[in-house]
Amino acid sequence: MGPGKAGPSVAVATGVTIRLTLLAAALSLLLTSAGCTSMAPQKFEGAVPAFDPISFFEGPVRSWGVIESRKGNPRSRFRTEVQGQWNGPSLTLTQHFFYEDGHKQDRVWQVRAAGPHRFEATANDVAGTAIGVAYGNTFFWEYTLALRPGNPLMNVRMHHWMYLQSDGTMTNRVRVTKLGITLARITEHFQRGEAVMPSIGP
């Protein structure tokens, strides 16, 4: 091999380097754009009806919803039965989930006000503390969900946007992410009281 001429091994190495560089750049752009949002809870200040999440979830609440793929394709339906009860300085919020494949799940929250517009909570399958901010008719709620407690590699981030409607119902839009990349979306509707929920399967 004479000077100025690249052999096959050099060409292959160069090609691999270029592909890795392009892949890293694309991944960086994806993560940056996925983590950006132009919406802030403060933009809803003054919107009515005013949403106090602790007052809304005190007592019986029911919900139903659908889990969608990142492309918006429906993957699973579910419903919940929720009961909120004061326990000292916090609201104990017990959620029973029922999925259309027959799977069931329970989550118990301890929710408390942490200052003007700010709320904090812990739960049995949440890693760390959930943080929420309420302005106007909107509540933004964010936390790390442990899909398999004890295995942090299975943790995902949950980003909730909850909107109280004029009829007293509440719409919950959720984005599920991992490393800033959207994995799934959830649309859920809540109604206070012991309402009869639509049948979703077994």
N, C-alpha and C. Protein backbone atom coordinates (compact mmCIF):
# COMPACT_ATOMS: atom_id res chain seq x y z
N MET A 1 0.85 -1.18 0.00
CA MET A 1 0.00 0.00 0.00
C MET A 1 0.89 1.23 0.00
N GLY A 2 0.76 2.07 -1.03
CA GLY A 2 1.60 3.24 -1.15
C GLY A 2 1.03 4.41 -0.39
N PRO A 3 1.77 5.44 -0.17
CA PRO A 3 1.31 6.63 0.52
C PRO A 3 0.20 7.31 -0.26
N GLY A 4 -0.82 7.84 0.50
CA GLY A 4 -1.94 8.54 -0.13
C GLY A 4 -3.06 7.63 -0.57
N LYS A 5 -2.92 6.32 -0.40
CA LYS A 5 -3.96 5.37 -0.78
C LYS A 5 -4.46 4.65 0.46
N ALA A 6 -5.79 4.73 0.73
CA ALA A 6 -6.37 4.08 1.91
C ALA A 6 -6.75 2.66 1.58
N GLY A 7 -6.34 1.74 2.43
CA GLY A 7 -6.70 0.35 2.24
C GLY A 7 -8.12 0.07 2.66
N PRO A 8 -8.63 -1.15 2.43
CA PRO A 8 -10.02 -1.52 2.78
C PRO A 8 -10.33 -1.31 4.24
N SER A 9 -9.39 -1.64 5.15
CA SER A 9 -9.67 -1.52 6.57
C SER A 9 -9.86 -0.07 6.98
N VAL A 10 -9.06 0.84 6.36
CA VAL A 10 -9.22 2.26 6.67
C VAL A 10 -10.55 2.79 6.16
N ALA A 11 -10.94 2.37 4.96
CA ALA A 11 -12.21 2.82 4.39
C ALA A 11 -13.38 2.36 5.25
N VAL A 12 -13.33 1.10 5.70
CA VAL A 12 -14.41 0.59 6.54
C VAL A 12 -14.48 1.35 7.85
N ALA A 13 -13.32 1.60 8.45
CA ALA A 13 -13.29 2.33 9.72
C ALA A 13 -13.84 3.73 9.56
N THR A 14 -13.48 4.38 8.44
CA THR A 14 -13.98 5.73 8.18
C THR A 14 -15.49 5.73 8.01
N GLY A 15 -16.01 4.75 7.29
CA GLY A 15 -17.44 4.66 7.08
C GLY A 15 -18.20 4.45 8.38
N VAL A 16 -17.66 3.58 9.24
CA VAL A 16 -18.28 3.33 10.54
C VAL A 16 -18.28 4.59 11.38
N THR A 17 -17.16 5.32 11.37
CA THR A 17 -17.05 6.56 12.15
C THR A 17 -18.08 7.58 11.71
N ILE A 18 -18.24 7.71 10.38
CA ILE A 18 -19.23 8.67 9.85
C ILE A 18 -20.63 8.28 10.28
N ARG A 19 -20.96 6.98 10.18
CA ARG A 19 -22.30 6.53 10.55
C ARG A 19 -22.56 6.75 12.04
N LEU A 20 -21.55 6.47 12.87
CA LEU A 20 -21.72 6.67 14.31
C LEU A 20 -21.89 8.15 14.64
N THR A 21 -21.16 9.01 13.92
CA THR A 21 -21.28 10.45 14.15
C THR A 21 -22.68 10.95 13.79
N LEU A 22 -23.18 10.48 12.64
CA LEU A 22 -24.52 10.88 12.20
C LEU A 22 -25.58 10.35 13.16
N LEU A 23 -25.40 9.11 13.63
CA LEU A 23 -26.36 8.53 14.56
C LEU A 23 -26.38 9.31 15.87
N ALA A 24 -25.20 9.68 16.39
CA ALA A 24 -25.12 10.45 17.63
C ALA A 24 -25.78 11.81 17.47
N ALA A 25 -25.55 12.45 16.31
CA ALA A 25 -26.17 13.76 16.06
C ALA A 25 -27.68 13.65 15.99
N ALA A 26 -28.18 12.61 15.30
CA ALA A 26 -29.63 12.43 15.19
C ALA A 26 -30.26 12.14 16.54
N LEU A 27 -29.59 11.30 17.36
CA LEU A 27 -30.11 10.98 18.68
C LEU A 27 -30.13 12.21 19.58
N SER A 28 -29.07 13.02 19.49
CA SER A 28 -29.01 14.25 20.28
C SER A 28 -30.14 15.19 19.91
N LEU A 29 -30.41 15.32 18.60
CA LEU A 29 -31.50 16.19 18.15
C LEU A 29 -32.84 15.67 18.62
N LEU A 30 -33.03 14.33 18.57
CA LEU A 30 -34.29 13.73 19.00
C LEU A 30 -34.51 13.95 20.48
N LEU A 31 -33.47 13.75 21.28
CA LEU A 31 -33.61 13.92 22.72
C LEU A 31 -33.89 15.38 23.07
N THR A 32 -33.24 16.30 22.36
CA THR A 32 -33.44 17.72 22.63
C THR A 32 -34.85 18.14 22.30
N SER A 33 -35.34 17.73 21.13
CA SER A 33 -36.69 18.13 20.72
C SER A 33 -37.75 17.45 21.57
N ALA A 34 -37.50 16.19 21.99
CA ALA A 34 -38.48 15.46 22.81
C ALA A 34 -38.60 16.07 24.18
N GLY A 35 -37.53 16.66 24.70
CA GLY A 35 -37.57 17.20 26.05
C GLY A 35 -38.07 18.63 26.12
N CYS A 36 -38.30 19.25 24.96
CA CYS A 36 -38.71 20.65 24.94
C CYS A 36 -40.23 20.75 24.96
N THR A 37 -40.73 21.76 25.62
CA THR A 37 -42.15 22.02 25.60
C THR A 37 -42.37 23.51 25.64
N SER A 38 -43.37 23.97 24.89
CA SER A 38 -43.65 25.40 24.84
C SER A 38 -44.77 25.77 25.80
N MET A 39 -45.31 24.79 26.51
CA MET A 39 -46.44 25.04 27.39
C MET A 39 -46.00 25.00 28.84
N ALA A 40 -46.46 25.96 29.62
CA ALA A 40 -46.15 26.03 31.05
C ALA A 40 -47.46 26.17 31.81
N PRO A 41 -47.56 25.54 33.01
CA PRO A 41 -48.81 25.64 33.78
C PRO A 41 -49.21 27.08 34.08
N GLN A 42 -48.23 27.96 34.26
CA GLN A 42 -48.53 29.35 34.60
C GLN A 42 -49.35 30.05 33.52
N LYS A 43 -49.29 29.55 32.29
CA LYS A 43 -50.06 30.17 31.20
C LYS A 43 -51.56 30.02 31.40
N PHE A 44 -51.95 29.09 32.29
CA PHE A 44 -53.37 28.86 32.53
C PHE A 44 -53.89 29.61 33.74
N GLU A 45 -53.06 30.44 34.35
CA GLU A 45 -53.50 31.20 35.52
C GLU A 45 -54.71 32.06 35.16
N GLY A 46 -55.75 31.98 35.99
CA GLY A 46 -56.97 32.73 35.74
C GLY A 46 -58.02 31.96 34.98
N ALA A 47 -57.64 30.81 34.37
CA ALA A 47 -58.62 29.99 33.66
C ALA A 47 -59.58 29.35 34.65
N VAL A 48 -60.84 29.27 34.29
CA VAL A 48 -61.86 28.70 35.16
C VAL A 48 -62.48 27.48 34.50
N PRO A 49 -63.03 26.57 35.36
CA PRO A 49 -63.08 26.61 36.82
C PRO A 49 -61.71 26.31 37.45
N ALA A 50 -61.47 26.90 38.62
CA ALA A 50 -60.19 26.69 39.31
C ALA A 50 -60.07 25.23 39.74
N PHE A 51 -58.91 24.66 39.52
CA PHE A 51 -58.68 23.24 39.79
C PHE A 51 -57.79 23.08 41.03
N ASP A 52 -58.37 22.56 42.10
CA ASP A 52 -57.63 22.17 43.30
C ASP A 52 -57.59 20.65 43.31
N PRO A 53 -56.45 20.04 42.96
CA PRO A 53 -56.41 18.58 42.83
C PRO A 53 -56.77 17.83 44.11
N ILE A 54 -56.41 18.37 45.27
CA ILE A 54 -56.74 17.68 46.52
C ILE A 54 -58.24 17.67 46.75
N SER A 55 -58.90 18.80 46.51
CA SER A 55 -60.36 18.84 46.66
C SER A 55 -61.04 17.93 45.65
N PHE A 56 -60.51 17.89 44.43
CA PHE A 56 -61.14 17.08 43.39
C PHE A 56 -61.08 15.60 43.75
N PHE A 57 -59.94 15.15 44.28
CA PHE A 57 -59.76 13.72 44.53
C PHE A 57 -60.20 13.28 45.92
N GLU A 58 -60.73 14.17 46.74
CA GLU A 58 -61.26 13.76 48.03
C GLU A 58 -62.60 13.08 47.82
N GLY A 59 -62.75 11.89 48.37
CA GLY A 59 -63.97 11.12 48.16
C GLY A 59 -63.82 10.19 46.98
N PRO A 60 -64.94 9.61 46.50
CA PRO A 60 -64.87 8.66 45.38
C PRO A 60 -64.75 9.38 44.04
N VAL A 61 -63.90 8.83 43.18
CA VAL A 61 -63.70 9.34 41.82
C VAL A 61 -63.56 8.14 40.90
N ARG A 62 -64.08 8.25 39.69
CA ARG A 62 -63.96 7.18 38.70
C ARG A 62 -63.33 7.73 37.43
N SER A 63 -62.66 6.84 36.69
CA SER A 63 -62.09 7.28 35.42
C SER A 63 -62.08 6.14 34.42
N TRP A 64 -61.93 6.49 33.15
CA TRP A 64 -61.75 5.52 32.08
C TRP A 64 -60.85 6.15 31.03
N GLY A 65 -60.08 5.30 30.33
CA GLY A 65 -59.14 5.87 29.38
C GLY A 65 -58.58 4.84 28.42
N VAL A 66 -57.65 5.31 27.58
CA VAL A 66 -57.02 4.47 26.58
C VAL A 66 -55.53 4.77 26.54
N ILE A 67 -54.72 3.71 26.40
CA ILE A 67 -53.28 3.83 26.23
C ILE A 67 -52.96 3.72 24.75
N GLU A 68 -52.18 4.67 24.23
CA GLU A 68 -51.85 4.71 22.82
C GLU A 68 -50.35 4.54 22.61
N SER A 69 -49.97 4.02 21.46
CA SER A 69 -48.57 3.95 21.09
C SER A 69 -48.05 5.36 20.84
N ARG A 70 -46.76 5.49 20.66
CA ARG A 70 -46.17 6.80 20.40
C ARG A 70 -46.70 7.40 19.10
N LYS A 71 -47.23 6.55 18.20
CA LYS A 71 -47.80 7.03 16.93
C LYS A 71 -49.29 7.30 17.03
N GLY A 72 -49.86 7.09 18.24
CA GLY A 72 -51.28 7.37 18.43
C GLY A 72 -52.21 6.20 18.18
N ASN A 73 -51.66 5.00 18.02
CA ASN A 73 -52.51 3.83 17.80
C ASN A 73 -52.98 3.26 19.15
N PRO A 74 -54.29 3.01 19.32
CA PRO A 74 -54.79 2.46 20.59
C PRO A 74 -54.17 1.10 20.90
N ARG A 75 -53.73 0.93 22.15
CA ARG A 75 -53.11 -0.33 22.56
C ARG A 75 -53.89 -1.04 23.65
N SER A 76 -54.50 -0.27 24.57
CA SER A 76 -55.21 -0.91 25.67
C SER A 76 -56.17 0.10 26.30
N ARG A 77 -57.31 -0.40 26.76
CA ARG A 77 -58.25 0.43 27.50
C ARG A 77 -58.20 0.06 28.98
N PHE A 78 -58.62 1.00 29.82
CA PHE A 78 -58.61 0.74 31.25
C PHE A 78 -59.65 1.63 31.93
N ARG A 79 -59.95 1.29 33.17
CA ARG A 79 -60.78 2.14 34.02
C ARG A 79 -60.20 2.10 35.42
N THR A 80 -60.55 3.10 36.25
CA THR A 80 -60.05 3.12 37.61
C THR A 80 -61.17 3.46 38.59
N GLU A 81 -60.99 2.99 39.80
CA GLU A 81 -61.81 3.39 40.94
C GLU A 81 -60.88 4.04 41.95
N VAL A 82 -61.17 5.26 42.33
CA VAL A 82 -60.28 6.04 43.17
C VAL A 82 -61.03 6.47 44.42
N GLN A 83 -60.35 6.42 45.56
CA GLN A 83 -60.93 6.88 46.82
C GLN A 83 -59.90 7.74 47.53
N GLY A 84 -60.28 9.00 47.82
CA GLY A 84 -59.38 9.90 48.52
C GLY A 84 -59.88 10.17 49.93
N GLN A 85 -58.98 10.06 50.90
CA GLN A 85 -59.36 10.27 52.30
C GLN A 85 -58.23 10.99 53.03
N TRP A 86 -58.63 12.00 53.83
CA TRP A 86 -57.64 12.75 54.60
C TRP A 86 -57.01 11.85 55.65
N ASN A 87 -55.66 11.95 55.76
CA ASN A 87 -54.91 11.17 56.75
C ASN A 87 -53.84 12.09 57.34
N GLY A 88 -54.22 12.89 58.32
CA GLY A 88 -53.29 13.87 58.88
C GLY A 88 -53.08 15.01 57.91
N PRO A 89 -51.83 15.35 57.61
CA PRO A 89 -51.56 16.48 56.72
C PRO A 89 -51.67 16.16 55.24
N SER A 90 -51.93 14.91 54.91
CA SER A 90 -51.94 14.52 53.50
C SER A 90 -53.23 13.80 53.13
N LEU A 91 -53.47 13.70 51.82
CA LEU A 91 -54.61 12.97 51.29
C LEU A 91 -54.13 11.60 50.85
N THR A 92 -54.71 10.55 51.43
CA THR A 92 -54.40 9.19 50.98
C THR A 92 -55.31 8.87 49.80
N LEU A 93 -54.68 8.63 48.66
CA LEU A 93 -55.42 8.42 47.42
C LEU A 93 -55.17 6.99 46.95
N THR A 94 -56.20 6.16 47.01
CA THR A 94 -56.08 4.75 46.62
C THR A 94 -56.70 4.55 45.25
N GLN A 95 -55.89 4.06 44.30
CA GLN A 95 -56.34 3.82 42.93
C GLN A 95 -56.35 2.33 42.63
N HIS A 96 -57.46 1.86 42.08
CA HIS A 96 -57.56 0.49 41.59
C HIS A 96 -57.71 0.56 40.07
N PHE A 97 -56.76 -0.05 39.36
CA PHE A 97 -56.77 -0.05 37.89
C PHE A 97 -57.32 -1.38 37.38
N PHE A 98 -58.15 -1.30 36.34
CA PHE A 98 -58.71 -2.49 35.70
C PHE A 98 -58.47 -2.37 34.20
N TYR A 99 -57.70 -3.31 33.62
CA TYR A 99 -57.36 -3.28 32.21
C TYR A 99 -58.21 -4.27 31.43
N GLU A 100 -58.36 -4.03 30.14
CA GLU A 100 -59.27 -4.84 29.35
C GLU A 100 -58.81 -6.29 29.19
N ASP A 101 -57.52 -6.58 29.44
CA ASP A 101 -57.06 -7.96 29.36
C ASP A 101 -57.26 -8.71 30.67
N GLY A 102 -57.89 -8.04 31.66
CA GLY A 102 -58.14 -8.67 32.95
C GLY A 102 -57.11 -8.34 34.01
N HIS A 103 -56.03 -7.70 33.61
CA HIS A 103 -54.97 -7.33 34.57
C HIS A 103 -55.47 -6.25 35.52
N LYS A 104 -55.07 -6.34 36.79
CA LYS A 104 -55.43 -5.35 37.81
C LYS A 104 -54.18 -4.80 38.47
N GLN A 105 -54.28 -3.59 38.97
CA GLN A 105 -53.14 -2.93 39.59
C GLN A 105 -53.63 -1.95 40.64
N ASP A 106 -52.88 -1.82 41.73
CA ASP A 106 -53.24 -0.88 42.80
C ASP A 106 -52.09 0.10 43.01
N ARG A 107 -52.47 1.35 43.28
CA ARG A 107 -51.48 2.38 43.61
C ARG A 107 -52.04 3.22 44.74
N VAL A 108 -51.22 3.45 45.77
CA VAL A 108 -51.64 4.25 46.92
C VAL A 108 -50.74 5.48 47.01
N TRP A 109 -51.35 6.65 46.89
CA TRP A 109 -50.64 7.92 46.94
C TRP A 109 -50.79 8.57 48.32
N GLN A 110 -49.79 9.34 48.70
CA GLN A 110 -49.88 10.28 49.81
C GLN A 110 -49.61 11.67 49.20
N VAL A 111 -50.66 12.48 49.11
CA VAL A 111 -50.57 13.76 48.41
C VAL A 111 -50.70 14.89 49.43
N ARG A 112 -49.86 15.92 49.28
CA ARG A 112 -49.96 17.06 50.18
C ARG A 112 -49.62 18.35 49.45
N ALA A 113 -50.19 19.45 49.93
CA ALA A 113 -49.85 20.77 49.41
C ALA A 113 -48.46 21.14 49.92
N ALA A 114 -47.61 21.69 49.04
CA ALA A 114 -46.24 22.02 49.41
C ALA A 114 -45.94 23.50 49.22
N GLY A 115 -46.98 24.32 49.14
CA GLY A 115 -46.81 25.75 48.94
C GLY A 115 -47.81 26.26 47.93
N PRO A 116 -47.82 27.57 47.67
CA PRO A 116 -48.75 28.12 46.68
C PRO A 116 -48.58 27.44 45.32
N HIS A 117 -49.65 26.87 44.83
CA HIS A 117 -49.71 26.23 43.51
C HIS A 117 -48.93 24.91 43.44
N ARG A 118 -48.25 24.50 44.49
CA ARG A 118 -47.33 23.36 44.41
C ARG A 118 -47.82 22.19 45.26
N PHE A 119 -47.65 20.97 44.72
CA PHE A 119 -48.07 19.75 45.40
C PHE A 119 -46.97 18.71 45.27
N GLU A 120 -46.88 17.84 46.29
CA GLU A 120 -45.94 16.74 46.28
C GLU A 120 -46.65 15.46 46.67
N ALA A 121 -46.10 14.32 46.24
CA ALA A 121 -46.73 13.04 46.57
C ALA A 121 -45.73 11.91 46.46
N THR A 122 -46.01 10.84 47.18
CA THR A 122 -45.27 9.59 47.05
C THR A 122 -46.28 8.48 46.83
N ALA A 123 -45.80 7.35 46.28
CA ALA A 123 -46.68 6.20 46.05
C ALA A 123 -45.86 4.93 46.05
N ASN A 124 -46.52 3.80 46.18
CA ASN A 124 -45.84 2.52 46.33
C ASN A 124 -45.00 2.13 45.11
N ASP A 125 -45.36 2.59 43.92
CA ASP A 125 -44.59 2.24 42.73
C ASP A 125 -44.01 3.46 42.04
N VAL A 126 -43.81 4.53 42.81
CA VAL A 126 -43.19 5.74 42.28
C VAL A 126 -41.82 5.92 42.91
N ALA A 127 -40.79 6.14 42.07
CA ALA A 127 -39.43 6.35 42.57
C ALA A 127 -39.25 7.82 42.90
N GLY A 128 -38.95 8.10 44.16
CA GLY A 128 -38.79 9.48 44.57
C GLY A 128 -40.12 10.17 44.83
N THR A 129 -40.14 11.48 44.64
CA THR A 129 -41.31 12.29 44.93
C THR A 129 -41.92 12.86 43.66
N ALA A 130 -43.22 12.74 43.54
CA ALA A 130 -43.94 13.35 42.42
C ALA A 130 -44.13 14.84 42.71
N ILE A 131 -43.98 15.65 41.69
CA ILE A 131 -44.11 17.09 41.82
C ILE A 131 -45.24 17.57 40.93
N GLY A 132 -46.13 18.41 41.49
CA GLY A 132 -47.23 18.95 40.71
C GLY A 132 -47.38 20.45 40.88
N VAL A 133 -47.87 21.12 39.85
CA VAL A 133 -48.09 22.56 39.88
C VAL A 133 -49.48 22.84 39.31
N ALA A 134 -50.28 23.62 40.04
CA ALA A 134 -51.65 23.93 39.62
C ALA A 134 -51.81 25.43 39.39
N TYR A 135 -52.36 25.77 38.24
CA TYR A 135 -52.72 27.16 37.92
C TYR A 135 -54.04 27.14 37.15
N GLY A 136 -54.97 28.00 37.57
CA GLY A 136 -56.24 28.07 36.87
C GLY A 136 -56.95 26.73 36.89
N ASN A 137 -57.38 26.29 35.72
CA ASN A 137 -58.09 25.01 35.62
C ASN A 137 -57.15 23.85 35.30
N THR A 138 -55.83 24.06 35.43
CA THR A 138 -54.85 23.09 34.94
C THR A 138 -53.90 22.63 36.05
N PHE A 139 -53.58 21.34 36.02
CA PHE A 139 -52.65 20.75 36.98
C PHE A 139 -51.63 19.95 36.19
N PHE A 140 -50.33 20.32 36.32
CA PHE A 140 -49.26 19.58 35.68
C PHE A 140 -48.57 18.71 36.72
N TRP A 141 -48.44 17.42 36.42
CA TRP A 141 -48.04 16.41 37.40
C TRP A 141 -46.95 15.56 36.75
N GLU A 142 -45.81 15.37 37.44
CA GLU A 142 -44.68 14.68 36.84
C GLU A 142 -43.99 13.80 37.88
N TYR A 143 -43.60 12.57 37.48
CA TYR A 143 -42.94 11.67 38.41
C TYR A 143 -42.31 10.50 37.64
N THR A 144 -41.50 9.72 38.36
CA THR A 144 -40.87 8.53 37.79
C THR A 144 -41.62 7.30 38.26
N LEU A 145 -42.16 6.54 37.32
CA LEU A 145 -42.92 5.34 37.64
C LEU A 145 -42.02 4.11 37.53
N ALA A 146 -42.00 3.30 38.58
CA ALA A 146 -41.22 2.07 38.59
C ALA A 146 -42.08 0.93 38.05
N LEU A 147 -41.92 0.60 36.78
CA LEU A 147 -42.71 -0.48 36.18
C LEU A 147 -42.40 -1.81 36.84
N ARG A 148 -41.13 -1.99 37.22
CA ARG A 148 -40.72 -3.16 37.98
C ARG A 148 -39.90 -2.67 39.17
N PRO A 149 -40.56 -2.41 40.31
CA PRO A 149 -39.84 -1.89 41.47
C PRO A 149 -38.60 -2.70 41.80
N GLY A 150 -37.50 -2.01 42.03
CA GLY A 150 -36.23 -2.67 42.29
C GLY A 150 -35.33 -2.76 41.08
N ASN A 151 -35.90 -2.51 39.88
CA ASN A 151 -35.12 -2.53 38.65
C ASN A 151 -35.21 -1.15 38.00
N PRO A 152 -34.27 -0.24 38.31
CA PRO A 152 -34.36 1.13 37.80
C PRO A 152 -34.29 1.23 36.29
N LEU A 153 -33.78 0.19 35.62
CA LEU A 153 -33.73 0.21 34.16
C LEU A 153 -35.12 0.23 33.53
N MET A 154 -36.13 -0.19 34.32
CA MET A 154 -37.51 -0.24 33.83
C MET A 154 -38.30 1.00 34.22
N ASN A 155 -37.66 1.98 34.85
CA ASN A 155 -38.36 3.21 35.22
C ASN A 155 -38.70 4.05 34.00
N VAL A 156 -39.85 4.71 34.04
CA VAL A 156 -40.24 5.65 32.99
C VAL A 156 -40.73 6.94 33.64
N ARG A 157 -40.73 8.02 32.89
CA ARG A 157 -41.24 9.30 33.38
C ARG A 157 -42.67 9.49 32.91
N MET A 158 -43.50 9.97 33.82
CA MET A 158 -44.91 10.24 33.53
C MET A 158 -45.14 11.75 33.60
N HIS A 159 -45.72 12.30 32.55
CA HIS A 159 -45.99 13.73 32.47
C HIS A 159 -47.49 13.92 32.25
N HIS A 160 -48.19 14.38 33.29
CA HIS A 160 -49.64 14.54 33.23
C HIS A 160 -50.02 16.01 33.02
N TRP A 161 -50.96 16.24 32.13
CA TRP A 161 -51.63 17.54 32.03
C TRP A 161 -53.12 17.29 32.31
N MET A 162 -53.59 17.80 33.44
CA MET A 162 -54.97 17.59 33.86
C MET A 162 -55.75 18.90 33.71
N TYR A 163 -56.93 18.82 33.08
CA TYR A 163 -57.73 20.01 32.81
C TYR A 163 -59.14 19.81 33.39
N LEU A 164 -59.51 20.67 34.35
CA LEU A 164 -60.85 20.62 34.91
C LEU A 164 -61.82 21.29 33.94
N GLN A 165 -62.93 20.59 33.64
CA GLN A 165 -63.91 21.10 32.69
C GLN A 165 -65.05 21.82 33.43
N SER A 166 -65.82 22.59 32.67
CA SER A 166 -66.89 23.38 33.27
C SER A 166 -68.00 22.51 33.85
N ASP A 167 -68.14 21.25 33.39
CA ASP A 167 -69.17 20.37 33.92
C ASP A 167 -68.69 19.58 35.14
N GLY A 168 -67.47 19.88 35.63
CA GLY A 168 -66.95 19.19 36.81
C GLY A 168 -66.14 17.95 36.51
N THR A 169 -66.12 17.50 35.26
CA THR A 169 -65.27 16.37 34.90
C THR A 169 -63.84 16.87 34.65
N MET A 170 -62.91 15.94 34.56
CA MET A 170 -61.52 16.31 34.34
C MET A 170 -60.89 15.43 33.26
N THR A 171 -60.15 16.06 32.35
CA THR A 171 -59.45 15.35 31.29
C THR A 171 -57.97 15.29 31.61
N ASN A 172 -57.40 14.09 31.49
CA ASN A 172 -56.00 13.86 31.82
C ASN A 172 -55.27 13.39 30.57
N ARG A 173 -54.27 14.16 30.12
CA ARG A 173 -53.44 13.78 28.99
C ARG A 173 -52.04 13.46 29.52
N VAL A 174 -51.55 12.25 29.24
CA VAL A 174 -50.30 11.77 29.81
C VAL A 174 -49.33 11.42 28.69
N ARG A 175 -48.06 11.79 28.89
CA ARG A 175 -46.99 11.37 28.00
C ARG A 175 -46.03 10.51 28.81
N VAL A 176 -45.72 9.32 28.32
CA VAL A 176 -44.81 8.39 28.97
C VAL A 176 -43.48 8.44 28.22
N THR A 177 -42.39 8.74 28.94
CA THR A 177 -41.10 8.90 28.26
C THR A 177 -40.00 8.07 28.93
N LYS A 178 -38.94 7.82 28.15
CA LYS A 178 -37.73 7.18 28.64
C LYS A 178 -36.56 7.90 27.98
N LEU A 179 -35.69 8.49 28.80
CA LEU A 179 -34.55 9.26 28.29
C LEU A 179 -35.01 10.38 27.35
N GLY A 180 -36.18 10.94 27.65
CA GLY A 180 -36.70 12.04 26.86
C GLY A 180 -37.46 11.63 25.62
N ILE A 181 -37.50 10.33 25.30
CA ILE A 181 -38.19 9.84 24.11
C ILE A 181 -39.58 9.36 24.49
N THR A 182 -40.59 9.79 23.75
CA THR A 182 -41.97 9.39 24.02
C THR A 182 -42.17 7.92 23.67
N LEU A 183 -42.66 7.15 24.65
CA LEU A 183 -42.95 5.73 24.45
C LEU A 183 -44.43 5.48 24.22
N ALA A 184 -45.28 6.24 24.89
CA ALA A 184 -46.72 6.03 24.80
C ALA A 184 -47.43 7.29 25.26
N ARG A 185 -48.73 7.35 24.96
CA ARG A 185 -49.58 8.45 25.42
C ARG A 185 -50.85 7.87 26.01
N ILE A 186 -51.44 8.59 26.95
CA ILE A 186 -52.66 8.13 27.61
C ILE A 186 -53.66 9.27 27.63
N THR A 187 -54.91 8.95 27.31
CA THR A 187 -56.01 9.90 27.45
C THR A 187 -56.99 9.31 28.46
N GLU A 188 -57.32 10.10 29.48
CA GLU A 188 -58.16 9.60 30.58
C GLU A 188 -59.17 10.66 30.98
N HIS A 189 -60.38 10.22 31.32
CA HIS A 189 -61.44 11.12 31.76
C HIS A 189 -61.89 10.74 33.17
N PHE A 190 -61.92 11.73 34.07
CA PHE A 190 -62.29 11.52 35.47
C PHE A 190 -63.65 12.14 35.77
N GLN A 191 -64.38 11.48 36.65
CA GLN A 191 -65.67 11.99 37.11
C GLN A 191 -65.80 11.72 38.61
N ARG A 192 -66.12 12.76 39.36
CA ARG A 192 -66.31 12.59 40.79
C ARG A 192 -67.58 11.80 41.08
N GLY A 193 -67.55 11.06 42.23
CA GLY A 193 -68.70 10.26 42.60
C GLY A 193 -68.52 8.82 42.15
N GLU A 194 -69.49 8.01 42.48
CA GLU A 194 -69.43 6.59 42.16
C GLU A 194 -70.19 6.32 40.87
N ALA A 195 -69.72 6.94 39.80
CA ALA A 195 -70.37 6.80 38.50
C ALA A 195 -70.14 5.39 37.94
N VAL A 196 -71.06 4.93 37.11
CA VAL A 196 -70.92 3.65 36.44
C VAL A 196 -70.01 3.83 35.23
N MET A 197 -68.91 3.08 35.18
CA MET A 197 -67.95 3.22 34.12
C MET A 197 -68.28 2.27 32.95
N PRO A 198 -67.88 2.66 31.73
CA PRO A 198 -68.10 1.77 30.58
C PRO A 198 -67.38 0.45 30.75
N SER A 199 -67.97 -0.62 30.27
CA SER A 199 -67.33 -1.93 30.33
C SER A 199 -66.17 -1.96 29.33
N ILE A 200 -65.02 -2.53 29.73
CA ILE A 200 -63.85 -2.56 28.86
C ILE A 200 -63.34 -3.97 28.60
N GLY A 201 -63.99 -4.99 29.11
CA GLY A 201 -63.50 -6.35 28.90
C GLY A 201 -63.75 -7.20 30.13
N PRO A 202 -62.88 -8.21 30.35
CA PRO A 202 -63.07 -9.13 31.47
C PRO A 202 -63.12 -8.42 32.81
